[in-house]
């Protein structure tokens, strides 16, 4: 809210609902293409929450660090980790916005 120092959050999907909606729309399309063998590479749809201030992109930083250091592992429902340490990133599409610059 302007002038109060508080931030108004929209109801519904957490953290950037337009990006969340886009991921939900893209997932079945990419899944269909993958099942048809029409993708040259795996496509990951990664949604991180709470990336803005004061969280300072902690999820994104952790993910990128794990990729760069070849330590990426996926744990689902407490099961044994899937080793993804050999993952090589070929491209990234980032839904973001420019932060206002001070001054």
PDB file of N, CA and C in Angstrom:
ATOM      1  N   UNK A   1       0.840  -1.168   0.000  1.00  0.00           N
ATOM      2  CA  UNK A   1       0.000   0.000   0.000  1.00  0.00           C
ATOM      3  C   UNK A   1       0.889   1.235   0.000  1.00  0.00           C
ATOM      4  N   UNK A   2       0.585   2.141  -0.893  1.00  0.00           N
ATOM      5  CA  UNK A   2       1.427   3.321  -1.062  1.00  0.00           C
ATOM      6  C   UNK A   2       1.498   4.149   0.213  1.00  0.00           C
ATOM      7  N   UNK A   3       2.716   4.504   0.562  1.00  0.00           N
ATOM      8  CA  UNK A   3       2.932   5.410   1.676  1.00  0.00           C
ATOM      9  C   UNK A   3       2.888   4.799   3.062  1.00  0.00           C
ATOM     10  N   UNK A   4       2.497   3.535   3.197  1.00  0.00           N
ATOM     11  CA  UNK A   4       2.385   2.931   4.521  1.00  0.00           C
ATOM     12  C   UNK A   4       3.575   2.050   4.865  1.00  0.00           C
ATOM     13  N   UNK A   5       4.381   1.700   3.865  1.00  0.00           N
ATOM     14  CA  UNK A   5       5.500   0.793   4.096  1.00  0.00           C
ATOM     15  C   UNK A   5       5.078  -0.662   4.066  1.00  0.00           C
ATOM     16  N   UNK A   6       3.778  -0.916   3.934  1.00  0.00           N
ATOM     17  CA  UNK A   6       3.284  -2.297   3.851  1.00  0.00           C
ATOM     18  C   UNK A   6       3.092  -2.684   2.393  1.00  0.00           C
ATOM     19  N   UNK A   7       3.124  -3.960   2.122  1.00  0.00           N
ATOM     20  CA  UNK A   7       2.937  -4.469   0.771  1.00  0.00           C
ATOM     21  C   UNK A   7       1.610  -5.207   0.714  1.00  0.00           C
ATOM     22  N   UNK A   8       0.776  -4.864  -0.245  1.00  0.00           N
ATOM     23  CA  UNK A   8      -0.503  -5.556  -0.435  1.00  0.00           C
ATOM     24  C   UNK A   8      -0.267  -6.749  -1.346  1.00  0.00           C
ATOM     25  N   UNK A   9      -0.680  -7.916  -0.944  1.00  0.00           N
ATOM     26  CA  UNK A   9      -0.510  -9.127  -1.738  1.00  0.00           C
ATOM     27  C   UNK A   9      -1.861  -9.516  -2.330  1.00  0.00           C
ATOM     28  N   UNK A  10      -1.850  -9.959  -3.606  1.00  0.00           N
ATOM     29  CA  UNK A  10      -3.104 -10.372  -4.217  1.00  0.00           C
ATOM     30  C   UNK A  10      -3.565 -11.717  -3.657  1.00  0.00           C
ATOM     31  N   UNK A  11      -4.860 -11.944  -3.599  1.00  0.00           N
ATOM     32  CA  UNK A  11      -5.349 -13.254  -3.159  1.00  0.00           C
ATOM     33  C   UNK A  11      -5.102 -14.303  -4.241  1.00  0.00           C
ATOM     34  N   UNK A  12      -5.116 -15.549  -3.858  1.00  0.00           N
ATOM     35  CA  UNK A  12      -4.977 -16.616  -4.840  1.00  0.00           C
ATOM     36  C   UNK A  12      -3.600 -17.232  -4.814  1.00  0.00           C
ATOM     37  N   UNK A  13      -3.094 -17.556  -5.986  1.00  0.00           N
ATOM     38  CA  UNK A  13      -1.802 -18.235  -6.094  1.00  0.00           C
ATOM     39  C   UNK A  13      -0.725 -17.387  -5.444  1.00  0.00           C
ATOM     40  N   UNK A  14       0.174 -18.054  -4.787  1.00  0.00           N
ATOM     41  CA  UNK A  14       1.231 -17.398  -4.028  1.00  0.00           C
ATOM     42  C   UNK A  14       2.304 -16.832  -4.949  1.00  0.00           C
ATOM     43  N   UNK A  15       2.661 -15.577  -4.760  1.00  0.00           N
ATOM     44  CA  UNK A  15       3.852 -14.989  -5.363  1.00  0.00           C
ATOM     45  C   UNK A  15       3.816 -14.980  -6.891  1.00  0.00           C
ATOM     46  N   UNK A  16       3.378 -13.920  -7.439  1.00  0.00           N
ATOM     47  CA  UNK A  16       3.344 -13.733  -8.900  1.00  0.00           C
ATOM     48  C   UNK A  16       2.360 -14.688  -9.573  1.00  0.00           C
ATOM     49  N   UNK A  17       1.111 -14.432  -9.356  1.00  0.00           N
ATOM     50  CA  UNK A  17       0.079 -15.333  -9.871  1.00  0.00           C
ATOM     51  C   UNK A  17       0.120 -15.480 -11.381  1.00  0.00           C
ATOM     52  N   UNK A  18       0.583 -14.466 -12.121  1.00  0.00           N
ATOM     53  CA  UNK A  18       0.657 -14.609 -13.579  1.00  0.00           C
ATOM     54  C   UNK A  18       1.688 -15.666 -13.968  1.00  0.00           C
ATOM     55  N   UNK A  19       2.818 -15.706 -13.261  1.00  0.00           N
ATOM     56  CA  UNK A  19       3.829 -16.720 -13.540  1.00  0.00           C
ATOM     57  C   UNK A  19       3.320 -18.102 -13.160  1.00  0.00           C
ATOM     58  N   UNK A  20       2.618 -18.194 -12.037  1.00  0.00           N
ATOM     59  CA  UNK A  20       2.042 -19.470 -11.611  1.00  0.00           C
ATOM     60  C   UNK A  20       1.056 -19.972 -12.656  1.00  0.00           C
ATOM     61  N   UNK A  21       0.191 -19.100 -13.118  1.00  0.00           N
ATOM     62  CA  UNK A  21      -0.800 -19.474 -14.134  1.00  0.00           C
ATOM     63  C   UNK A  21      -0.112 -19.910 -15.426  1.00  0.00           C
ATOM     64  N   UNK A  22       0.949 -19.229 -15.811  1.00  0.00           N
ATOM     65  CA  UNK A  22       1.678 -19.586 -17.021  1.00  0.00           C
ATOM     66  C   UNK A  22       2.303 -20.973 -16.895  1.00  0.00           C
ATOM     67  N   UNK A  23       2.899 -21.271 -15.747  1.00  0.00           N
ATOM     68  CA  UNK A  23       3.475 -22.604 -15.537  1.00  0.00           C
ATOM     69  C   UNK A  23       2.406 -23.685 -15.607  1.00  0.00           C
ATOM     70  N   UNK A  24       1.254 -23.414 -15.010  1.00  0.00           N
ATOM     71  CA  UNK A  24       0.172 -24.391 -15.027  1.00  0.00           C
ATOM     72  C   UNK A  24      -0.362 -24.614 -16.445  1.00  0.00           C
ATOM     73  N   UNK A  25      -0.348 -23.576 -17.253  1.00  0.00           N
ATOM     74  CA  UNK A  25      -0.785 -23.718 -18.642  1.00  0.00           C
ATOM     75  C   UNK A  25       0.267 -24.432 -19.489  1.00  0.00           C
ATOM     76  N   UNK A  26       1.538 -24.177 -19.213  1.00  0.00           N
ATOM     77  CA  UNK A  26       2.627 -24.749 -20.012  1.00  0.00           C
ATOM     78  C   UNK A  26       2.856 -26.227 -19.724  1.00  0.00           C
ATOM     79  N   UNK A  27       2.648 -26.645 -18.493  1.00  0.00           N
ATOM     80  CA  UNK A  27       2.983 -28.012 -18.086  1.00  0.00           C
ATOM     81  C   UNK A  27       2.358 -29.085 -18.980  1.00  0.00           C
ATOM     82  N   UNK A  28       1.038 -29.073 -19.233  1.00  0.00           N
ATOM     83  CA  UNK A  28       0.483 -30.143 -20.068  1.00  0.00           C
ATOM     84  C   UNK A  28       0.966 -30.083 -21.524  1.00  0.00           C
ATOM     85  N   UNK A  29       1.289 -28.911 -22.001  1.00  0.00           N
ATOM     86  CA  UNK A  29       1.794 -28.781 -23.374  1.00  0.00           C
ATOM     87  C   UNK A  29       3.157 -29.435 -23.489  1.00  0.00           C
ATOM     88  N   UNK A  30       4.062 -29.105 -22.559  1.00  0.00           N
ATOM     89  CA  UNK A  30       5.395 -29.704 -22.586  1.00  0.00           C
ATOM     90  C   UNK A  30       5.346 -31.196 -22.297  1.00  0.00           C
ATOM     91  N   UNK A  31       4.457 -31.625 -21.419  1.00  0.00           N
ATOM     92  CA  UNK A  31       4.325 -33.052 -21.137  1.00  0.00           C
ATOM     93  C   UNK A  31       3.897 -33.816 -22.383  1.00  0.00           C
ATOM     94  N   UNK A  32       2.958 -33.276 -23.117  1.00  0.00           N
ATOM     95  CA  UNK A  32       2.501 -33.911 -24.360  1.00  0.00           C
ATOM     96  C   UNK A  32       3.653 -34.002 -25.366  1.00  0.00           C
ATOM     97  N   UNK A  33       4.385 -32.909 -25.535  1.00  0.00           N
ATOM     98  CA  UNK A  33       5.517 -32.918 -26.457  1.00  0.00           C
ATOM     99  C   UNK A  33       6.581 -33.930 -26.033  1.00  0.00           C
ATOM    100  N   UNK A  34       6.831 -34.027 -24.731  1.00  0.00           N
ATOM    101  CA  UNK A  34       7.816 -34.989 -24.221  1.00  0.00           C
ATOM    102  C   UNK A  34       7.363 -36.417 -24.497  1.00  0.00           C
ATOM    103  N   UNK A  35       6.101 -36.697 -24.241  1.00  0.00           N
ATOM    104  CA  UNK A  35       5.583 -38.059 -24.466  1.00  0.00           C
ATOM    105  C   UNK A  35       5.621 -38.439 -25.942  1.00  0.00           C
ATOM    106  N   UNK A  36       5.508 -37.453 -26.820  1.00  0.00           N
ATOM    107  CA  UNK A  36       5.566 -37.705 -28.259  1.00  0.00           C
ATOM    108  C   UNK A  36       7.003 -37.750 -28.773  1.00  0.00           C
ATOM    109  N   UNK A  37       7.986 -37.541 -27.881  1.00  0.00           N
ATOM    110  CA  UNK A  37       9.385 -37.561 -28.277  1.00  0.00           C
ATOM    111  C   UNK A  37       9.795 -36.365 -29.119  1.00  0.00           C
ATOM    112  N   UNK A  38       9.106 -35.245 -28.958  1.00  0.00           N
ATOM    113  CA  UNK A  38       9.347 -34.069 -29.794  1.00  0.00           C
ATOM    114  C   UNK A  38      10.238 -33.013 -29.129  1.00  0.00           C
ATOM    115  N   UNK A  39      10.784 -33.313 -27.959  1.00  0.00           N
ATOM    116  CA  UNK A  39      11.675 -32.368 -27.286  1.00  0.00           C
ATOM    117  C   UNK A  39      13.116 -32.854 -27.399  1.00  0.00           C
ATOM    118  N   UNK A  40      14.015 -31.949 -27.702  1.00  0.00           N
ATOM    119  CA  UNK A  40      15.431 -32.306 -27.791  1.00  0.00           C
ATOM    120  C   UNK A  40      16.078 -32.362 -26.419  1.00  0.00           C
ATOM    121  N   UNK A  41      15.502 -31.658 -25.464  1.00  0.00           N
ATOM    122  CA  UNK A  41      16.063 -31.582 -24.114  1.00  0.00           C
ATOM    123  C   UNK A  41      14.922 -31.640 -23.107  1.00  0.00           C
ATOM    124  N   UNK A  42      15.256 -31.978 -21.876  1.00  0.00           N
ATOM    125  CA  UNK A  42      14.270 -31.904 -20.800  1.00  0.00           C
ATOM    126  C   UNK A  42      13.946 -30.449 -20.530  1.00  0.00           C
ATOM    127  N   UNK A  43      12.723 -30.197 -20.161  1.00  0.00           N
ATOM    128  CA  UNK A  43      12.308 -28.852 -19.770  1.00  0.00           C
ATOM    129  C   UNK A  43      11.817 -28.923 -18.341  1.00  0.00           C
ATOM    130  N   UNK A  44      12.377 -28.085 -17.505  1.00  0.00           N
ATOM    131  CA  UNK A  44      11.963 -28.002 -16.110  1.00  0.00           C
ATOM    132  C   UNK A  44      11.157 -26.737 -15.929  1.00  0.00           C
ATOM    133  N   UNK A  45      10.027 -26.858 -15.293  1.00  0.00           N
ATOM    134  CA  UNK A  45       9.227 -25.694 -14.916  1.00  0.00           C
ATOM    135  C   UNK A  45       9.438 -25.518 -13.420  1.00  0.00           C
ATOM    136  N   UNK A  46      10.166 -24.500 -13.055  1.00  0.00           N
ATOM    137  CA  UNK A  46      10.567 -24.291 -11.670  1.00  0.00           C
ATOM    138  C   UNK A  46       9.854 -23.066 -11.115  1.00  0.00           C
ATOM    139  N   UNK A  47       9.104 -23.266 -10.052  1.00  0.00           N
ATOM    140  CA  UNK A  47       8.391 -22.165  -9.404  1.00  0.00           C
ATOM    141  C   UNK A  47       8.943 -21.992  -8.004  1.00  0.00           C
ATOM    142  N   UNK A  48       9.462 -20.827  -7.750  1.00  0.00           N
ATOM    143  CA  UNK A  48      10.016 -20.515  -6.439  1.00  0.00           C
ATOM    144  C   UNK A  48       9.143 -19.447  -5.795  1.00  0.00           C
ATOM    145  N   UNK A  49       8.918 -19.584  -4.530  1.00  0.00           N
ATOM    146  CA  UNK A  49       8.068 -18.640  -3.832  1.00  0.00           C
ATOM    147  C   UNK A  49       8.883 -17.782  -2.873  1.00  0.00           C
ATOM    148  N   UNK A  50       8.376 -16.599  -2.576  1.00  0.00           N
ATOM    149  CA  UNK A  50       9.029 -15.732  -1.610  1.00  0.00           C
ATOM    150  C   UNK A  50      10.374 -15.220  -2.066  1.00  0.00           C
ATOM    151  N   UNK A  51      10.516 -14.951  -3.351  1.00  0.00           N
ATOM    152  CA  UNK A  51      11.815 -14.544  -3.867  1.00  0.00           C
ATOM    153  C   UNK A  51      12.103 -13.053  -3.690  1.00  0.00           C
ATOM    154  N   UNK A  52      11.076 -12.266  -3.471  1.00  0.00           N
ATOM    155  CA  UNK A  52      11.284 -10.832  -3.345  1.00  0.00           C
ATOM    156  C   UNK A  52      11.784 -10.459  -1.953  1.00  0.00           C
ATOM    157  N   UNK A  53      12.141  -9.211  -1.798  1.00  0.00           N
ATOM    158  CA  UNK A  53      12.594  -8.683  -0.515  1.00  0.00           C
ATOM    159  C   UNK A  53      11.560  -9.001   0.553  1.00  0.00           C
ATOM    160  N   UNK A  54      11.918  -9.448   1.716  1.00  0.00           N
ATOM    161  CA  UNK A  54      13.266  -9.559   2.255  1.00  0.00           C
ATOM    162  C   UNK A  54      13.915 -10.923   2.020  1.00  0.00           C
ATOM    163  N   UNK A  55      13.263 -11.822   1.302  1.00  0.00           N
ATOM    164  CA  UNK A  55      13.820 -13.162   1.101  1.00  0.00           C
ATOM    165  C   UNK A  55      15.072 -13.148   0.228  1.00  0.00           C
ATOM    166  N   UNK A  56      15.237 -12.122  -0.603  1.00  0.00           N
ATOM    167  CA  UNK A  56      16.441 -11.924  -1.399  1.00  0.00           C
ATOM    168  C   UNK A  56      16.771 -13.126  -2.286  1.00  0.00           C
ATOM    169  N   UNK A  57      15.762 -13.690  -2.922  1.00  0.00           N
ATOM    170  CA  UNK A  57      15.961 -14.756  -3.915  1.00  0.00           C
ATOM    171  C   UNK A  57      16.644 -16.005  -3.344  1.00  0.00           C
ATOM    172  N   UNK A  58      16.364 -16.333  -2.107  1.00  0.00           N
ATOM    173  CA  UNK A  58      17.058 -17.461  -1.476  1.00  0.00           C
ATOM    174  C   UNK A  58      16.837 -18.776  -2.215  1.00  0.00           C
ATOM    175  N   UNK A  59      15.612 -19.042  -2.658  1.00  0.00           N
ATOM    176  CA  UNK A  59      15.346 -20.279  -3.387  1.00  0.00           C
ATOM    177  C   UNK A  59      16.107 -20.342  -4.701  1.00  0.00           C
ATOM    178  N   UNK A  60      16.088 -19.244  -5.441  1.00  0.00           N
ATOM    179  CA  UNK A  60      16.798 -19.185  -6.718  1.00  0.00           C
ATOM    180  C   UNK A  60      18.300 -19.301  -6.503  1.00  0.00           C
ATOM    181  N   UNK A  61      18.810 -18.630  -5.475  1.00  0.00           N
ATOM    182  CA  UNK A  61      20.245 -18.698  -5.197  1.00  0.00           C
ATOM    183  C   UNK A  61      20.656 -20.131  -4.826  1.00  0.00           C
ATOM    184  N   UNK A  62      19.854 -20.785  -4.003  1.00  0.00           N
ATOM    185  CA  UNK A  62      20.154 -22.162  -3.592  1.00  0.00           C
ATOM    186  C   UNK A  62      20.136 -23.094  -4.801  1.00  0.00           C
ATOM    187  N   UNK A  63      19.114 -22.965  -5.640  1.00  0.00           N
ATOM    188  CA  UNK A  63      19.007 -23.811  -6.826  1.00  0.00           C
ATOM    189  C   UNK A  63      20.203 -23.602  -7.763  1.00  0.00           C
ATOM    190  N   UNK A  64      20.503 -22.344  -8.069  1.00  0.00           N
ATOM    191  CA  UNK A  64      21.617 -22.044  -8.978  1.00  0.00           C
ATOM    192  C   UNK A  64      22.949 -22.525  -8.420  1.00  0.00           C
ATOM    193  N   UNK A  65      23.153 -22.351  -7.136  1.00  0.00           N
ATOM    194  CA  UNK A  65      24.391 -22.811  -6.512  1.00  0.00           C
ATOM    195  C   UNK A  65      24.518 -24.326  -6.635  1.00  0.00           C
ATOM    196  N   UNK A  66      23.425 -25.049  -6.396  1.00  0.00           N
ATOM    197  CA  UNK A  66      23.463 -26.511  -6.509  1.00  0.00           C
ATOM    198  C   UNK A  66      23.770 -26.953  -7.938  1.00  0.00           C
ATOM    199  N   UNK A  67      23.221 -26.251  -8.934  1.00  0.00           N
ATOM    200  CA  UNK A  67      23.507 -26.588 -10.338  1.00  0.00           C
ATOM    201  C   UNK A  67      24.976 -26.323 -10.649  1.00  0.00           C
ATOM    202  N   UNK A  68      25.459 -25.132 -10.283  1.00  0.00           N
ATOM    203  CA  UNK A  68      26.834 -24.746 -10.583  1.00  0.00           C
ATOM    204  C   UNK A  68      27.841 -25.663  -9.899  1.00  0.00           C
ATOM    205  N   UNK A  69      27.555 -26.058  -8.661  1.00  0.00           N
ATOM    206  CA  UNK A  69      28.475 -26.903  -7.894  1.00  0.00           C
ATOM    207  C   UNK A  69      28.257 -28.398  -8.129  1.00  0.00           C
ATOM    208  N   UNK A  70      27.390 -28.739  -9.088  1.00  0.00           N
ATOM    209  CA  UNK A  70      27.085 -30.140  -9.410  1.00  0.00           C
ATOM    210  C   UNK A  70      26.642 -30.922  -8.175  1.00  0.00           C
ATOM    211  N   UNK A  71      25.766 -30.317  -7.396  1.00  0.00           N
ATOM    212  CA  UNK A  71      25.254 -30.955  -6.187  1.00  0.00           C
ATOM    213  C   UNK A  71      23.727 -31.035  -6.169  1.00  0.00           C
ATOM    214  N   UNK A  72      23.108 -30.885  -7.324  1.00  0.00           N
ATOM    215  CA  UNK A  72      21.649 -30.842  -7.379  1.00  0.00           C
ATOM    216  C   UNK A  72      21.051 -32.226  -7.150  1.00  0.00           C
ATOM    217  N   UNK A  73      20.136 -32.292  -6.210  1.00  0.00           N
ATOM    218  CA  UNK A  73      19.418 -33.537  -5.895  1.00  0.00           C
ATOM    219  C   UNK A  73      17.948 -33.206  -5.712  1.00  0.00           C
ATOM    220  N   UNK A  74      17.084 -34.125  -6.087  1.00  0.00           N
ATOM    221  CA  UNK A  74      15.653 -33.950  -5.943  1.00  0.00           C
ATOM    222  C   UNK A  74      15.137 -34.967  -4.934  1.00  0.00           C
ATOM    223  N   UNK A  75      14.457 -34.481  -3.911  1.00  0.00           N
ATOM    224  CA  UNK A  75      13.863 -35.357  -2.905  1.00  0.00           C
ATOM    225  C   UNK A  75      12.358 -35.153  -2.954  1.00  0.00           C
ATOM    226  N   UNK A  76      11.621 -36.230  -3.136  1.00  0.00           N
ATOM    227  CA  UNK A  76      10.168 -36.164  -3.179  1.00  0.00           C
ATOM    228  C   UNK A  76       9.576 -37.016  -2.079  1.00  0.00           C
ATOM    229  N   UNK A  77       8.726 -36.422  -1.299  1.00  0.00           N
ATOM    230  CA  UNK A  77       7.986 -37.140  -0.256  1.00  0.00           C
ATOM    231  C   UNK A  77       8.891 -37.972   0.652  1.00  0.00           C
ATOM    232  N   UNK A  78      10.071 -37.444   0.967  1.00  0.00           N
ATOM    233  CA  UNK A  78      10.975 -38.134   1.875  1.00  0.00           C
ATOM    234  C   UNK A  78      11.642 -39.366   1.302  1.00  0.00           C
ATOM    235  N   UNK A  79      11.450 -39.629   0.006  1.00  0.00           N
ATOM    236  CA  UNK A  79      12.088 -40.788  -0.623  1.00  0.00           C
ATOM    237  C   UNK A  79      13.550 -40.490  -0.904  1.00  0.00           C
ATOM    238  N   UNK A  80      14.278 -41.503  -1.324  1.00  0.00           N
ATOM    239  CA  UNK A  80      15.699 -41.340  -1.631  1.00  0.00           C
ATOM    240  C   UNK A  80      15.887 -40.265  -2.697  1.00  0.00           C
ATOM    241  N   UNK A  81      16.927 -39.470  -2.549  1.00  0.00           N
ATOM    242  CA  UNK A  81      17.198 -38.367  -3.460  1.00  0.00           C
ATOM    243  C   UNK A  81      17.542 -38.879  -4.859  1.00  0.00           C
ATOM    244  N   UNK A  82      17.053 -38.167  -5.862  1.00  0.00           N
ATOM    245  CA  UNK A  82      17.419 -38.443  -7.246  1.00  0.00           C
ATOM    246  C   UNK A  82      18.598 -37.533  -7.573  1.00  0.00           C
ATOM    247  N   UNK A  83      19.697 -38.107  -8.002  1.00  0.00           N
ATOM    248  CA  UNK A  83      20.902 -37.342  -8.293  1.00  0.00           C
ATOM    249  C   UNK A  83      20.762 -36.636  -9.638  1.00  0.00           C
ATOM    250  N   UNK A  84      20.754 -35.326  -9.609  1.00  0.00           N
ATOM    251  CA  UNK A  84      20.679 -34.512 -10.817  1.00  0.00           C
ATOM    252  C   UNK A  84      21.955 -33.685 -10.992  1.00  0.00           C
ATOM    253  N   UNK A  85      23.029 -34.133 -10.382  1.00  0.00           N
ATOM    254  CA  UNK A  85      24.260 -33.351 -10.361  1.00  0.00           C
ATOM    255  C   UNK A  85      24.894 -33.167 -11.743  1.00  0.00           C
ATOM    256  N   UNK A  86      24.555 -34.001 -12.710  1.00  0.00           N
ATOM    257  CA  UNK A  86      25.119 -33.876 -14.055  1.00  0.00           C
ATOM    258  C   UNK A  86      24.310 -32.924 -14.931  1.00  0.00           C
ATOM    259  N   UNK A  87      23.324 -32.273 -14.362  1.00  0.00           N
ATOM    260  CA  UNK A  87      22.463 -31.364 -15.116  1.00  0.00           C
ATOM    261  C   UNK A  87      23.263 -30.220 -15.714  1.00  0.00           C
ATOM    262  N   UNK A  88      23.042 -29.977 -16.997  1.00  0.00           N
ATOM    263  CA  UNK A  88      23.644 -28.842 -17.693  1.00  0.00           C
ATOM    264  C   UNK A  88      22.500 -27.958 -18.201  1.00  0.00           C
ATOM    265  N   UNK A  89      22.547 -26.700 -17.874  1.00  0.00           N
ATOM    266  CA  UNK A  89      21.490 -25.767 -18.269  1.00  0.00           C
ATOM    267  C   UNK A  89      21.792 -25.251 -19.669  1.00  0.00           C
ATOM    268  N   UNK A  90      20.810 -25.377 -20.573  1.00  0.00           N
ATOM    269  CA  UNK A  90      20.976 -24.910 -21.950  1.00  0.00           C
ATOM    270  C   UNK A  90      20.303 -23.561 -22.167  1.00  0.00           C
ATOM    271  N   UNK A  91      19.354 -23.209 -21.322  1.00  0.00           N
ATOM    272  CA  UNK A  91      18.666 -21.936 -21.474  1.00  0.00           C
ATOM    273  C   UNK A  91      17.738 -21.698 -20.305  1.00  0.00           C
ATOM    274  N   UNK A  92      17.365 -20.452 -20.133  1.00  0.00           N
ATOM    275  CA  UNK A  92      16.494 -20.066 -19.022  1.00  0.00           C
ATOM    276  C   UNK A  92      15.514 -19.021 -19.518  1.00  0.00           C
ATOM    277  N   UNK A  93      14.268 -19.164 -19.149  1.00  0.00           N
ATOM    278  CA  UNK A  93      13.277 -18.110 -19.330  1.00  0.00           C
ATOM    279  C   UNK A  93      12.861 -17.685 -17.934  1.00  0.00           C
ATOM    280  N   UNK A  94      13.016 -16.437 -17.650  1.00  0.00           N
ATOM    281  CA  UNK A  94      12.749 -15.911 -16.318  1.00  0.00           C
ATOM    282  C   UNK A  94      11.606 -14.917 -16.368  1.00  0.00           C
ATOM    283  N   UNK A  95      10.568 -15.175 -15.590  1.00  0.00           N
ATOM    284  CA  UNK A  95       9.500 -14.203 -15.449  1.00  0.00           C
ATOM    285  C   UNK A  95       9.915 -13.272 -14.322  1.00  0.00           C
ATOM    286  N   UNK A  96      10.208 -12.078 -14.641  1.00  0.00           N
ATOM    287  CA  UNK A  96      10.671 -11.136 -13.639  1.00  0.00           C
ATOM    288  C   UNK A  96      10.214  -9.731 -13.956  1.00  0.00           C
ATOM    289  N   UNK A  97      10.688  -8.837 -13.179  1.00  0.00           N
ATOM    290  CA  UNK A  97      10.346  -7.436 -13.395  1.00  0.00           C
ATOM    291  C   UNK A  97      11.517  -6.593 -12.925  1.00  0.00           C
ATOM    292  N   UNK A  98      11.581  -5.380 -13.436  1.00  0.00           N
ATOM    293  CA  UNK A  98      12.638  -4.469 -13.020  1.00  0.00           C
ATOM    294  C   UNK A  98      12.320  -3.921 -11.643  1.00  0.00           C
ATOM    295  N   UNK A  99      13.312  -3.908 -10.791  1.00  0.00           N
ATOM    296  CA  UNK A  99      13.153  -3.302  -9.476  1.00  0.00           C
ATOM    297  C   UNK A  99      13.382  -1.795  -9.602  1.00  0.00           C
ATOM    298  N   UNK A 100      12.573  -1.009  -8.923  1.00  0.00           N
ATOM    299  CA  UNK A 100      12.817   0.436  -8.979  1.00  0.00           C
ATOM    300  C   UNK A 100      14.187   0.749  -8.377  1.00  0.00           C
ATOM    301  N   UNK A 101      14.896   1.612  -9.048  1.00  0.00           N
ATOM    302  CA  UNK A 101      16.214   2.010  -8.595  1.00  0.00           C
ATOM    303  C   UNK A 101      16.102   3.213  -7.653  1.00  0.00           C
ATOM    304  N   UNK A 102      16.854   3.209  -6.552  1.00  0.00           N
ATOM    305  CA  UNK A 102      16.775   4.331  -5.623  1.00  0.00           C
ATOM    306  C   UNK A 102      17.295   5.613  -6.271  1.00  0.00           C
ATOM    307  N   UNK A 103      16.731   6.730  -5.825  1.00  0.00           N
ATOM    308  CA  UNK A 103      17.227   8.030  -6.238  1.00  0.00           C
ATOM    309  C   UNK A 103      16.594   8.484  -7.463  1.00  0.00           C
TER     310      UNK A 103
END
